[in-house]
Amino acid sequence: MESLLINQRESKKISLLRRGIMSLVLSTREAAQHIDAAPLTAFSAIELVHHSGGKLEKWQPESKPAMLVMLLPWEKLPSLFAHFSACRAVVLQGFNVEPKGELLRLVMTVGFTDEP
């Protein structure tokens, strides 16, 4: 019973974190639209993982939408989304976060706007 209560509390924390991250992603994209000084960069899953200090678990660019799964420190999540929002021709279609030990397991689904 106690385990169930702990799981429910953790689930609520993750849900709040997810909403906060999505808000951060949206606000970062809006801010990026107003800043002309920094050009958008090409998306690279390897560069995104490296920038976040994470570890790549899976990258499936051929699937529609593409899927990126990685482990990273919790504190690197906001900068990962900020870095992602500075990439051109890629759109975040969805994501999921869950704790995995001391790290965070992030699953992102992305689309590419330059595909036929």
PDB file of N, CA and C in Angstrom:
ATOM      1  N   MET A   1       0.820  -1.192   0.000  1.00  0.00           N
ATOM      2  CA  MET A   1       0.000   0.000   0.000  1.00  0.00           C
ATOM      3  C   MET A   1       0.868   1.262   0.000  1.00  0.00           C
ATOM      4  N   GLU A   2       1.901   1.256   0.841  1.00  0.00           N
ATOM      5  CA  GLU A   2       2.796   2.410   0.905  1.00  0.00           C
ATOM      6  C   GLU A   2       3.515   2.601  -0.430  1.00  0.00           C
ATOM      7  N   SER A   3       3.870   1.492  -1.050  1.00  0.00           N
ATOM      8  CA  SER A   3       4.530   1.530  -2.353  1.00  0.00           C
ATOM      9  C   SER A   3       3.623   2.180  -3.402  1.00  0.00           C
ATOM     10  N   LEU A   4       2.341   1.894  -3.348  1.00  0.00           N
ATOM     11  CA  LEU A   4       1.386   2.487  -4.275  1.00  0.00           C
ATOM     12  C   LEU A   4       1.323   3.997  -4.088  1.00  0.00           C
ATOM     13  N   LEU A   5       1.293   4.465  -2.835  1.00  0.00           N
ATOM     14  CA  LEU A   5       1.257   5.901  -2.563  1.00  0.00           C
ATOM     15  C   LEU A   5       2.522   6.590  -3.058  1.00  0.00           C
ATOM     16  N   ILE A   6       3.658   5.963  -2.869  1.00  0.00           N
ATOM     17  CA  ILE A   6       4.921   6.527  -3.346  1.00  0.00           C
ATOM     18  C   ILE A   6       4.899   6.623  -4.868  1.00  0.00           C
ATOM     19  N   ASN A   7       4.434   5.572  -5.537  1.00  0.00           N
ATOM     20  CA  ASN A   7       4.344   5.581  -6.996  1.00  0.00           C
ATOM     21  C   ASN A   7       3.403   6.671  -7.501  1.00  0.00           C
ATOM     22  N   GLN A   8       2.285   6.873  -6.812  1.00  0.00           N
ATOM     23  CA  GLN A   8       1.343   7.918  -7.211  1.00  0.00           C
ATOM     24  C   GLN A   8       1.968   9.297  -7.066  1.00  0.00           C
ATOM     25  N   ARG A   9       2.698   9.532  -5.972  1.00  0.00           N
ATOM     26  CA  ARG A   9       3.369  10.819  -5.768  1.00  0.00           C
ATOM     27  C   ARG A   9       4.432  11.046  -6.844  1.00  0.00           C
ATOM     28  N   GLU A  10       5.205  10.021  -7.140  1.00  0.00           N
ATOM     29  CA  GLU A  10       6.239  10.143  -8.173  1.00  0.00           C
ATOM     30  C   GLU A  10       5.606  10.388  -9.539  1.00  0.00           C
ATOM     31  N   SER A  11       4.502   9.733  -9.802  1.00  0.00           N
ATOM     32  CA  SER A  11       3.802   9.925 -11.064  1.00  0.00           C
ATOM     33  C   SER A  11       3.313  11.366 -11.204  1.00  0.00           C
ATOM     34  N   LYS A  12       2.810  11.935 -10.118  1.00  0.00           N
ATOM     35  CA  LYS A  12       2.362  13.333 -10.142  1.00  0.00           C
ATOM     36  C   LYS A  12       3.539  14.270 -10.367  1.00  0.00           C
ATOM     37  N   LYS A  13       4.679  13.985  -9.730  1.00  0.00           N
ATOM     38  CA  LYS A  13       5.869  14.808  -9.918  1.00  0.00           C
ATOM     39  C   LYS A  13       6.312  14.782 -11.376  1.00  0.00           C
ATOM     40  N   ILE A  14       6.318  13.602 -11.956  1.00  0.00           N
ATOM     41  CA  ILE A  14       6.732  13.467 -13.353  1.00  0.00           C
ATOM     42  C   ILE A  14       5.759  14.193 -14.270  1.00  0.00           C
ATOM     43  N   SER A  15       4.485  14.101 -13.984  1.00  0.00           N
ATOM     44  CA  SER A  15       3.473  14.793 -14.789  1.00  0.00           C
ATOM     45  C   SER A  15       3.680  16.304 -14.733  1.00  0.00           C
ATOM     46  N   LEU A  16       3.945  16.829 -13.541  1.00  0.00           N
ATOM     47  CA  LEU A  16       4.215  18.261 -13.396  1.00  0.00           C
ATOM     48  C   LEU A  16       5.491  18.652 -14.133  1.00  0.00           C
ATOM     49  N   LEU A  17       6.511  17.825 -14.037  1.00  0.00           N
ATOM     50  CA  LEU A  17       7.761  18.083 -14.741  1.00  0.00           C
ATOM     51  C   LEU A  17       7.529  18.097 -16.246  1.00  0.00           C
ATOM     52  N   ARG A  18       6.755  17.155 -16.724  1.00  0.00           N
ATOM     53  CA  ARG A  18       6.478  17.078 -18.161  1.00  0.00           C
ATOM     54  C   ARG A  18       5.753  18.327 -18.649  1.00  0.00           C
ATOM     55  N   ARG A  19       4.755  18.795 -17.891  1.00  0.00           N
ATOM     56  CA  ARG A  19       4.048  20.017 -18.277  1.00  0.00           C
ATOM     57  C   ARG A  19       4.979  21.218 -18.255  1.00  0.00           C
ATOM     58  N   GLY A  20       5.845  21.265 -17.261  1.00  0.00           N
ATOM     59  CA  GLY A  20       6.803  22.365 -17.178  1.00  0.00           C
ATOM     60  C   GLY A  20       7.776  22.354 -18.342  1.00  0.00           C
ATOM     61  N   ILE A  21       8.214  21.168 -18.731  1.00  0.00           N
ATOM     62  CA  ILE A  21       9.143  21.049 -19.851  1.00  0.00           C
ATOM     63  C   ILE A  21       8.464  21.485 -21.134  1.00  0.00           C
ATOM     64  N   MET A  22       7.235  21.050 -21.347  1.00  0.00           N
ATOM     65  CA  MET A  22       6.522  21.423 -22.564  1.00  0.00           C
ATOM     66  C   MET A  22       6.342  22.938 -22.618  1.00  0.00           C
ATOM     67  N   SER A  23       6.036  23.541 -21.474  1.00  0.00           N
ATOM     68  CA  SER A  23       5.914  24.997 -21.400  1.00  0.00           C
ATOM     69  C   SER A  23       7.243  25.653 -21.747  1.00  0.00           C
ATOM     70  N   LEU A  24       8.335  25.088 -21.229  1.00  0.00           N
ATOM     71  CA  LEU A  24       9.663  25.612 -21.527  1.00  0.00           C
ATOM     72  C   LEU A  24       9.968  25.500 -23.015  1.00  0.00           C
ATOM     73  N   VAL A  25       9.636  24.378 -23.612  1.00  0.00           N
ATOM     74  CA  VAL A  25       9.878  24.184 -25.037  1.00  0.00           C
ATOM     75  C   VAL A  25       9.111  25.218 -25.848  1.00  0.00           C
ATOM     76  N   LEU A  26       7.843  25.416 -25.514  1.00  0.00           N
ATOM     77  CA  LEU A  26       7.028  26.382 -26.254  1.00  0.00           C
ATOM     78  C   LEU A  26       7.550  27.796 -26.081  1.00  0.00           C
ATOM     79  N   SER A  27       7.895  28.178 -24.855  1.00  0.00           N
ATOM     80  CA  SER A  27       8.390  29.533 -24.624  1.00  0.00           C
ATOM     81  C   SER A  27       9.751  29.737 -25.275  1.00  0.00           C
ATOM     82  N   THR A  28      10.572  28.695 -25.303  1.00  0.00           N
ATOM     83  CA  THR A  28      11.880  28.798 -25.952  1.00  0.00           C
ATOM     84  C   THR A  28      11.712  28.971 -27.449  1.00  0.00           C
ATOM     85  N   ARG A  29      10.785  28.231 -28.032  1.00  0.00           N
ATOM     86  CA  ARG A  29      10.529  28.378 -29.482  1.00  0.00           C
ATOM     87  C   ARG A  29      10.013  29.771 -29.800  1.00  0.00           C
ATOM     88  N   GLU A  30       9.110  30.290 -28.970  1.00  0.00           N
ATOM     89  CA  GLU A  30       8.590  31.635 -29.196  1.00  0.00           C
ATOM     90  C   GLU A  30       9.702  32.662 -29.103  1.00  0.00           C
ATOM     91  N   ALA A  31      10.571  32.516 -28.115  1.00  0.00           N
ATOM     92  CA  ALA A  31      11.691  33.447 -27.963  1.00  0.00           C
ATOM     93  C   ALA A  31      12.637  33.332 -29.145  1.00  0.00           C
ATOM     94  N   ALA A  32      12.867  32.114 -29.594  1.00  0.00           N
ATOM     95  CA  ALA A  32      13.795  31.902 -30.713  1.00  0.00           C
ATOM     96  C   ALA A  32      13.275  32.552 -31.995  1.00  0.00           C
ATOM     97  N   GLN A  33      11.974  32.659 -32.155  1.00  0.00           N
ATOM     98  CA  GLN A  33      11.407  33.272 -33.347  1.00  0.00           C
ATOM     99  C   GLN A  33      11.709  34.762 -33.400  1.00  0.00           C
ATOM    100  N   HIS A  34      11.968  35.368 -32.251  1.00  0.00           N
ATOM    101  CA  HIS A  34      12.215  36.802 -32.189  1.00  0.00           C
ATOM    102  C   HIS A  34      13.694  37.154 -32.199  1.00  0.00           C
ATOM    103  N   ILE A  35      14.546  36.163 -32.182  1.00  0.00           N
ATOM    104  CA  ILE A  35      15.983  36.414 -32.148  1.00  0.00           C
ATOM    105  C   ILE A  35      16.568  36.057 -33.503  1.00  0.00           C
ATOM    106  N   ASP A  36      17.001  37.078 -34.244  1.00  0.00           N
ATOM    107  CA  ASP A  36      17.562  36.849 -35.571  1.00  0.00           C
ATOM    108  C   ASP A  36      19.077  36.685 -35.540  1.00  0.00           C
ATOM    109  N   ALA A  37      19.711  37.022 -34.433  1.00  0.00           N
ATOM    110  CA  ALA A  37      21.170  37.006 -34.353  1.00  0.00           C
ATOM    111  C   ALA A  37      21.745  35.596 -34.428  1.00  0.00           C
ATOM    112  N   ALA A  38      21.055  34.631 -33.892  1.00  0.00           N
ATOM    113  CA  ALA A  38      21.572  33.264 -33.876  1.00  0.00           C
ATOM    114  C   ALA A  38      20.845  32.426 -34.925  1.00  0.00           C
ATOM    115  N   PRO A  39      21.559  32.023 -35.983  1.00  0.00           N
ATOM    116  CA  PRO A  39      20.905  31.204 -37.006  1.00  0.00           C
ATOM    117  C   PRO A  39      20.605  29.798 -36.464  1.00  0.00           C
ATOM    118  N   LEU A  40      19.578  29.189 -37.025  1.00  0.00           N
ATOM    119  CA  LEU A  40      19.242  27.821 -36.642  1.00  0.00           C
ATOM    120  C   LEU A  40      20.312  26.873 -37.162  1.00  0.00           C
ATOM    121  N   THR A  41      20.520  25.801 -36.434  1.00  0.00           N
ATOM    122  CA  THR A  41      21.526  24.820 -36.833  1.00  0.00           C
ATOM    123  C   THR A  41      20.834  23.548 -37.315  1.00  0.00           C
ATOM    124  N   ALA A  42      21.545  22.749 -38.064  1.00  0.00           N
ATOM    125  CA  ALA A  42      21.000  21.476 -38.525  1.00  0.00           C
ATOM    126  C   ALA A  42      20.862  20.534 -37.338  1.00  0.00           C
ATOM    127  N   PHE A  43      19.814  19.731 -37.331  1.00  0.00           N
ATOM    128  CA  PHE A  43      19.588  18.789 -36.243  1.00  0.00           C
ATOM    129  C   PHE A  43      20.525  17.596 -36.376  1.00  0.00           C
ATOM    130  N   SER A  44      21.109  17.212 -35.256  1.00  0.00           N
ATOM    131  CA  SER A  44      21.926  16.015 -35.177  1.00  0.00           C
ATOM    132  C   SER A  44      21.612  15.332 -33.854  1.00  0.00           C
ATOM    133  N   ALA A  45      21.121  14.108 -33.918  1.00  0.00           N
ATOM    134  CA  ALA A  45      20.797  13.381 -32.688  1.00  0.00           C
ATOM    135  C   ALA A  45      22.049  13.177 -31.845  1.00  0.00           C
ATOM    136  N   ILE A  46      23.160  12.886 -32.486  1.00  0.00           N
ATOM    137  CA  ILE A  46      24.415  12.665 -31.761  1.00  0.00           C
ATOM    138  C   ILE A  46      24.847  13.948 -31.050  1.00  0.00           C
ATOM    139  N   GLU A  47      24.743  15.080 -31.732  1.00  0.00           N
ATOM    140  CA  GLU A  47      25.110  16.360 -31.124  1.00  0.00           C
ATOM    141  C   GLU A  47      24.182  16.688 -29.961  1.00  0.00           C
ATOM    142  N   LEU A  48      22.900  16.412 -30.096  1.00  0.00           N
ATOM    143  CA  LEU A  48      21.942  16.673 -29.027  1.00  0.00           C
ATOM    144  C   LEU A  48      22.284  15.843 -27.790  1.00  0.00           C
ATOM    145  N   VAL A  49      22.589  14.572 -27.992  1.00  0.00           N
ATOM    146  CA  VAL A  49      22.964  13.694 -26.878  1.00  0.00           C
ATOM    147  C   VAL A  49      24.252  14.195 -26.240  1.00  0.00           C
ATOM    148  N   HIS A  50      25.235  14.531 -27.060  1.00  0.00           N
ATOM    149  CA  HIS A  50      26.511  15.025 -26.556  1.00  0.00           C
ATOM    150  C   HIS A  50      26.331  16.322 -25.771  1.00  0.00           C
ATOM    151  N   HIS A  51      25.542  17.250 -26.315  1.00  0.00           N
ATOM    152  CA  HIS A  51      25.303  18.543 -25.663  1.00  0.00           C
ATOM    153  C   HIS A  51      24.669  18.369 -24.284  1.00  0.00           C
ATOM    154  N   SER A  52      23.831  17.375 -24.140  1.00  0.00           N
ATOM    155  CA  SER A  52      23.128  17.161 -22.874  1.00  0.00           C
ATOM    156  C   SER A  52      23.951  16.352 -21.877  1.00  0.00           C
ATOM    157  N   GLY A  53      25.102  15.856 -22.299  1.00  0.00           N
ATOM    158  CA  GLY A  53      25.882  15.006 -21.409  1.00  0.00           C
ATOM    159  C   GLY A  53      25.222  13.658 -21.200  1.00  0.00           C
ATOM    160  N   GLY A  54      24.383  13.270 -22.158  1.00  0.00           N
ATOM    161  CA  GLY A  54      23.615  12.042 -22.032  1.00  0.00           C
ATOM    162  C   GLY A  54      24.256  10.847 -22.708  1.00  0.00           C
ATOM    163  N   LYS A  55      23.500   9.767 -22.703  1.00  0.00           N
ATOM    164  CA  LYS A  55      23.936   8.515 -23.334  1.00  0.00           C
ATOM    165  C   LYS A  55      22.814   8.047 -24.261  1.00  0.00           C
ATOM    166  N   LEU A  56      23.144   7.822 -25.506  1.00  0.00           N
ATOM    167  CA  LEU A  56      22.176   7.371 -26.500  1.00  0.00           C
ATOM    168  C   LEU A  56      21.774   5.925 -26.231  1.00  0.00           C
ATOM    169  N   GLU A  57      20.478   5.677 -26.153  1.00  0.00           N
ATOM    170  CA  GLU A  57      19.984   4.304 -26.042  1.00  0.00           C
ATOM    171  C   GLU A  57      19.460   3.810 -27.380  1.00  0.00           C
ATOM    172  N   LYS A  58      18.767   4.693 -28.115  1.00  0.00           N
ATOM    173  CA  LYS A  58      18.191   4.276 -29.397  1.00  0.00           C
ATOM    174  C   LYS A  58      17.946   5.515 -30.259  1.00  0.00           C
ATOM    175  N   TRP A  59      18.241   5.397 -31.544  1.00  0.00           N
ATOM    176  CA  TRP A  59      17.942   6.457 -32.505  1.00  0.00           C
ATOM    177  C   TRP A  59      17.393   5.778 -33.742  1.00  0.00           C
ATOM    178  N   GLN A  60      16.126   6.064 -34.046  1.00  0.00           N
ATOM    179  CA  GLN A  60      15.461   5.463 -35.201  1.00  0.00           C
ATOM    180  C   GLN A  60      14.978   6.577 -36.129  1.00  0.00           C
ATOM    181  N   PRO A  61      15.879   7.122 -36.944  1.00  0.00           N
ATOM    182  CA  PRO A  61      15.483   8.220 -37.827  1.00  0.00           C
ATOM    183  C   PRO A  61      14.572   7.784 -38.965  1.00  0.00           C
ATOM    184  N   GLU A  62      14.589   6.487 -39.300  1.00  0.00           N
ATOM    185  CA  GLU A  62      13.789   6.013 -40.430  1.00  0.00           C
ATOM    186  C   GLU A  62      12.315   5.830 -40.086  1.00  0.00           C
ATOM    187  N   SER A  63      11.984   5.729 -38.803  1.00  0.00           N
ATOM    188  CA  SER A  63      10.574   5.564 -38.429  1.00  0.00           C
ATOM    189  C   SER A  63       9.847   6.894 -38.573  1.00  0.00           C
ATOM    190  N   LYS A  64       8.569   6.844 -38.741  1.00  0.00           N
ATOM    191  CA  LYS A  64       7.732   8.040 -38.895  1.00  0.00           C
ATOM    192  C   LYS A  64       6.742   8.111 -37.746  1.00  0.00           C
ATOM    193  N   PRO A  65       6.895   8.955 -36.765  1.00  0.00           N
ATOM    194  CA  PRO A  65       7.982   9.910 -36.586  1.00  0.00           C
ATOM    195  C   PRO A  65       9.239   9.219 -36.081  1.00  0.00           C
ATOM    196  N   ALA A  66      10.366   9.912 -36.227  1.00  0.00           N
ATOM    197  CA  ALA A  66      11.643   9.377 -35.739  1.00  0.00           C
ATOM    198  C   ALA A  66      11.598   9.287 -34.210  1.00  0.00           C
ATOM    199  N   MET A  67      12.369   8.353 -33.661  1.00  0.00           N
ATOM    200  CA  MET A  67      12.386   8.188 -32.202  1.00  0.00           C
ATOM    201  C   MET A  67      13.815   8.266 -31.691  1.00  0.00           C
ATOM    202  N   LEU A  68      13.990   9.063 -30.629  1.00  0.00           N
ATOM    203  CA  LEU A  68      15.271   9.210 -29.955  1.00  0.00           C
ATOM    204  C   LEU A  68      15.068   8.857 -28.489  1.00  0.00           C
ATOM    205  N   VAL A  69      15.855   7.910 -27.986  1.00  0.00           N
ATOM    206  CA  VAL A  69      15.778   7.496 -26.585  1.00  0.00           C
ATOM    207  C   VAL A  69      17.164   7.693 -25.988  1.00  0.00           C
ATOM    208  N   MET A  70      17.207   8.385 -24.843  1.00  0.00           N
ATOM    209  CA  MET A  70      18.493   8.663 -24.218  1.00  0.00           C
ATOM    210  C   MET A  70      18.364   8.746 -22.711  1.00  0.00           C
ATOM    211  N   LEU A  71      19.502   8.591 -22.047  1.00  0.00           N
ATOM    212  CA  LEU A  71      19.605   8.802 -20.607  1.00  0.00           C
ATOM    213  C   LEU A  71      20.400  10.082 -20.400  1.00  0.00           C
ATOM    214  N   LEU A  72      19.954  10.909 -19.455  1.00  0.00           N
ATOM    215  CA  LEU A  72      20.671  12.139 -19.175  1.00  0.00           C
ATOM    216  C   LEU A  72      20.400  12.585 -17.748  1.00  0.00           C
ATOM    217  N   PRO A  73      21.264  13.447 -17.207  1.00  0.00           N
ATOM    218  CA  PRO A  73      21.013  13.993 -15.874  1.00  0.00           C
ATOM    219  C   PRO A  73      19.779  14.898 -15.898  1.00  0.00           C
ATOM    220  N   TRP A  74      19.004  14.868 -14.830  1.00  0.00           N
ATOM    221  CA  TRP A  74      17.786  15.674 -14.743  1.00  0.00           C
ATOM    222  C   TRP A  74      18.059  17.146 -15.010  1.00  0.00           C
ATOM    223  N   GLU A  75      19.153  17.655 -14.447  1.00  0.00           N
ATOM    224  CA  GLU A  75      19.419  19.095 -14.548  1.00  0.00           C
ATOM    225  C   GLU A  75      19.767  19.538 -15.966  1.00  0.00           C
ATOM    226  N   LYS A  76      20.051  18.605 -16.855  1.00  0.00           N
ATOM    227  CA  LYS A  76      20.385  18.941 -18.247  1.00  0.00           C
ATOM    228  C   LYS A  76      19.158  19.009 -19.155  1.00  0.00           C
ATOM    229  N   LEU A  77      18.010  18.617 -18.645  1.00  0.00           N
ATOM    230  CA  LEU A  77      16.809  18.560 -19.487  1.00  0.00           C
ATOM    231  C   LEU A  77      16.422  19.921 -20.078  1.00  0.00           C
ATOM    232  N   PRO A  78      16.372  21.011 -19.289  1.00  0.00           N
ATOM    233  CA  PRO A  78      16.002  22.302 -19.892  1.00  0.00           C
ATOM    234  C   PRO A  78      16.954  22.742 -21.004  1.00  0.00           C
ATOM    235  N   SER A  79      18.259  22.550 -20.815  1.00  0.00           N
ATOM    236  CA  SER A  79      19.195  22.973 -21.858  1.00  0.00           C
ATOM    237  C   SER A  79      19.085  22.081 -23.093  1.00  0.00           C
ATOM    238  N   LEU A  80      18.712  20.817 -22.903  1.00  0.00           N
ATOM    239  CA  LEU A  80      18.500  19.937 -24.044  1.00  0.00           C
ATOM    240  C   LEU A  80      17.363  20.477 -24.914  1.00  0.00           C
ATOM    241  N   PHE A  81      16.258  20.860 -24.287  1.00  0.00           N
ATOM    242  CA  PHE A  81      15.131  21.386 -25.064  1.00  0.00           C
ATOM    243  C   PHE A  81      15.458  22.744 -25.681  1.00  0.00           C
ATOM    244  N   ALA A  82      16.242  23.546 -24.991  1.00  0.00           N
ATOM    245  CA  ALA A  82      16.663  24.825 -25.568  1.00  0.00           C
ATOM    246  C   ALA A  82      17.537  24.578 -26.799  1.00  0.00           C
ATOM    247  N   HIS A  83      18.455  23.625 -26.705  1.00  0.00           N
ATOM    248  CA  HIS A  83      19.320  23.274 -27.836  1.00  0.00           C
ATOM    249  C   HIS A  83      18.470  22.723 -28.989  1.00  0.00           C
ATOM    250  N   PHE A  84      17.517  21.860 -28.672  1.00  0.00           N
ATOM    251  CA  PHE A  84      16.640  21.276 -29.691  1.00  0.00           C
ATOM    252  C   PHE A  84      15.851  22.368 -30.421  1.00  0.00           C
ATOM    253  N   SER A  85      15.373  23.351 -29.668  1.00  0.00           N
ATOM    254  CA  SER A  85      14.551  24.398 -30.285  1.00  0.00           C
ATOM    255  C   SER A  85      15.353  25.291 -31.225  1.00  0.00           C
ATOM    256  N   ALA A  86      16.674  25.244 -31.136  1.00  0.00           N
ATOM    257  CA  ALA A  86      17.520  26.027 -32.033  1.00  0.00           C
ATOM    258  C   ALA A  86      17.861  25.270 -33.311  1.00  0.00           C
ATOM    259  N   CYS A  87      17.304  24.087 -33.489  1.00  0.00           N
ATOM    260  CA  CYS A  87      17.568  23.284 -34.683  1.00  0.00           C
ATOM    261  C   CYS A  87      16.511  23.553 -35.743  1.00  0.00           C
ATOM    262  N   ARG A  88      16.951  23.577 -36.995  1.00  0.00           N
ATOM    263  CA  ARG A  88      16.017  23.827 -38.094  1.00  0.00           C
ATOM    264  C   ARG A  88      15.502  22.501 -38.666  1.00  0.00           C
ATOM    265  N   ALA A  89      14.354  22.571 -39.273  1.00  0.00           N
ATOM    266  CA  ALA A  89      13.756  21.452 -40.008  1.00  0.00           C
ATOM    267  C   ALA A  89      13.408  20.258 -39.141  1.00  0.00           C
ATOM    268  N   VAL A  90      13.237  20.457 -37.832  1.00  0.00           N
ATOM    269  CA  VAL A  90      12.852  19.369 -36.937  1.00  0.00           C
ATOM    270  C   VAL A  90      11.793  19.887 -35.967  1.00  0.00           C
ATOM    271  N   VAL A  91      10.814  19.032 -35.673  1.00  0.00           N
ATOM    272  CA  VAL A  91       9.706  19.413 -34.800  1.00  0.00           C
ATOM    273  C   VAL A  91       9.516  18.336 -33.741  1.00  0.00           C
ATOM    274  N   LEU A  92       9.402  18.752 -32.494  1.00  0.00           N
ATOM    275  CA  LEU A  92       9.119  17.825 -31.409  1.00  0.00           C
ATOM    276  C   LEU A  92       7.646  17.450 -31.478  1.00  0.00           C
ATOM    277  N   GLN A  93       7.367  16.178 -31.711  1.00  0.00           N
ATOM    278  CA  GLN A  93       5.980  15.728 -31.796  1.00  0.00           C
ATOM    279  C   GLN A  93       5.477  15.165 -30.481  1.00  0.00           C
ATOM    280  N   GLY A  94       6.385  14.740 -29.622  1.00  0.00           N
ATOM    281  CA  GLY A  94       5.997  14.226 -28.324  1.00  0.00           C
ATOM    282  C   GLY A  94       7.221  13.768 -27.556  1.00  0.00           C
ATOM    283  N   PHE A  95       7.050  13.612 -26.267  1.00  0.00           N
ATOM    284  CA  PHE A  95       8.145  13.106 -25.450  1.00  0.00           C
ATOM    285  C   PHE A  95       7.584  12.478 -24.189  1.00  0.00           C
ATOM    286  N   ASN A  96       8.410  11.656 -23.561  1.00  0.00           N
ATOM    287  CA  ASN A  96       8.062  11.010 -22.308  1.00  0.00           C
ATOM    288  C   ASN A  96       9.316  10.992 -21.446  1.00  0.00           C
ATOM    289  N   VAL A  97       9.151  11.259 -20.168  1.00  0.00           N
ATOM    290  CA  VAL A  97      10.283  11.210 -19.238  1.00  0.00           C
ATOM    291  C   VAL A  97       9.947  10.257 -18.105  1.00  0.00           C
ATOM    292  N   GLU A  98      10.967   9.550 -17.655  1.00  0.00           N
ATOM    293  CA  GLU A  98      10.791   8.676 -16.498  1.00  0.00           C
ATOM    294  C   GLU A  98      12.137   8.540 -15.803  1.00  0.00           C
ATOM    295  N   PRO A  99      12.095   8.391 -14.491  1.00  0.00           N
ATOM    296  CA  PRO A  99      13.359   8.227 -13.772  1.00  0.00           C
ATOM    297  C   PRO A  99      13.965   6.866 -14.066  1.00  0.00           C
ATOM    298  N   LYS A 100      15.285   6.839 -14.152  1.00  0.00           N
ATOM    299  CA  LYS A 100      16.012   5.578 -14.306  1.00  0.00           C
ATOM    300  C   LYS A 100      17.265   5.710 -13.449  1.00  0.00           C
ATOM    301  N   GLY A 101      17.129   5.279 -12.195  1.00  0.00           N
ATOM    302  CA  GLY A 101      18.208   5.447 -11.234  1.00  0.00           C
ATOM    303  C   GLY A 101      18.405   6.924 -10.942  1.00  0.00           C
ATOM    304  N   GLU A 102      19.628   7.380 -11.033  1.00  0.00           N
ATOM    305  CA  GLU A 102      19.951   8.788 -10.804  1.00  0.00           C
ATOM    306  C   GLU A 102      19.729   9.632 -12.058  1.00  0.00           C
ATOM    307  N   LEU A 103      19.414   8.987 -13.166  1.00  0.00           N
ATOM    308  CA  LEU A 103      19.251   9.677 -14.437  1.00  0.00           C
ATOM    309  C   LEU A 103      17.784   9.749 -14.845  1.00  0.00           C
ATOM    310  N   LEU A 104      17.580  10.358 -15.964  1.00  0.00           N
ATOM    311  CA  LEU A 104      16.264  10.501 -16.566  1.00  0.00           C
ATOM    312  C   LEU A 104      16.304   9.762 -17.899  1.00  0.00           C
ATOM    313  N   ARG A 105      15.275   8.993 -18.179  1.00  0.00           N
ATOM    314  CA  ARG A 105      15.144   8.353 -19.495  1.00  0.00           C
ATOM    315  C   ARG A 105      14.171   9.200 -20.297  1.00  0.00           C
ATOM    316  N   LEU A 106      14.654   9.731 -21.393  1.00  0.00           N
ATOM    317  CA  LEU A 106      13.860  10.615 -22.250  1.00  0.00           C
ATOM    318  C   LEU A 106      13.599   9.916 -23.576  1.00  0.00           C
ATOM    319  N   VAL A 107      12.328   9.845 -23.945  1.00  0.00           N
ATOM    320  CA  VAL A 107      11.923   9.318 -25.237  1.00  0.00           C
ATOM    321  C   VAL A 107      11.296  10.481 -26.001  1.00  0.00           C
ATOM    322  N   MET A 108      11.887  10.815 -27.133  1.00  0.00           N
ATOM    323  CA  MET A 108      11.381  11.911 -27.970  1.00  0.00           C
ATOM    324  C   MET A 108      10.927  11.358 -29.314  1.00  0.00           C
ATOM    325  N   THR A 109       9.804  11.850 -29.787  1.00  0.00           N
ATOM    326  CA  THR A 109       9.394  11.566 -31.159  1.00  0.00           C
ATOM    327  C   THR A 109       9.493  12.881 -31.918  1.00  0.00           C
ATOM    328  N   VAL A 110      10.186  12.833 -33.033  1.00  0.00           N
ATOM    329  CA  VAL A 110      10.451  14.056 -33.805  1.00  0.00           C
ATOM    330  C   VAL A 110      10.076  13.850 -35.259  1.00  0.00           C
ATOM    331  N   GLY A 111       9.671  14.938 -35.861  1.00  0.00           N
ATOM    332  CA  GLY A 111       9.371  14.953 -37.282  1.00  0.00           C
ATOM    333  C   GLY A 111      10.315  15.906 -37.973  1.00  0.00           C
ATOM    334  N   PHE A 112      10.488  15.708 -39.257  1.00  0.00           N
ATOM    335  CA  PHE A 112      11.379  16.560 -40.040  1.00  0.00           C
ATOM    336  C   PHE A 112      10.556  17.324 -41.054  1.00  0.00           C
ATOM    337  N   THR A 113      10.682  18.643 -41.037  1.00  0.00           N
ATOM    338  CA  THR A 113       9.863  19.487 -41.904  1.00  0.00           C
ATOM    339  C   THR A 113      10.399  19.558 -43.324  1.00  0.00           C
ATOM    340  N   ASP A 114      11.595  19.059 -43.557  1.00  0.00           N
ATOM    341  CA  ASP A 114      12.152  19.095 -44.909  1.00  0.00           C
ATOM    342  C   ASP A 114      11.995  17.773 -45.646  1.00  0.00           C
ATOM    343  N   GLU A 115      11.180  16.861 -45.097  1.00  0.00           N
ATOM    344  CA  GLU A 115      10.951  15.580 -45.769  1.00  0.00           C
ATOM    345  C   GLU A 115       9.850  15.734 -46.809  1.00  0.00           C
ATOM    346  N   PRO A 116       9.938  14.960 -47.884  1.00  0.00           N
ATOM    347  CA  PRO A 116       8.883  15.035 -48.929  1.00  0.00           C
ATOM    348  C   PRO A 116       7.572  14.486 -48.458  1.00  0.00           C
TER     349      PRO A 116
END
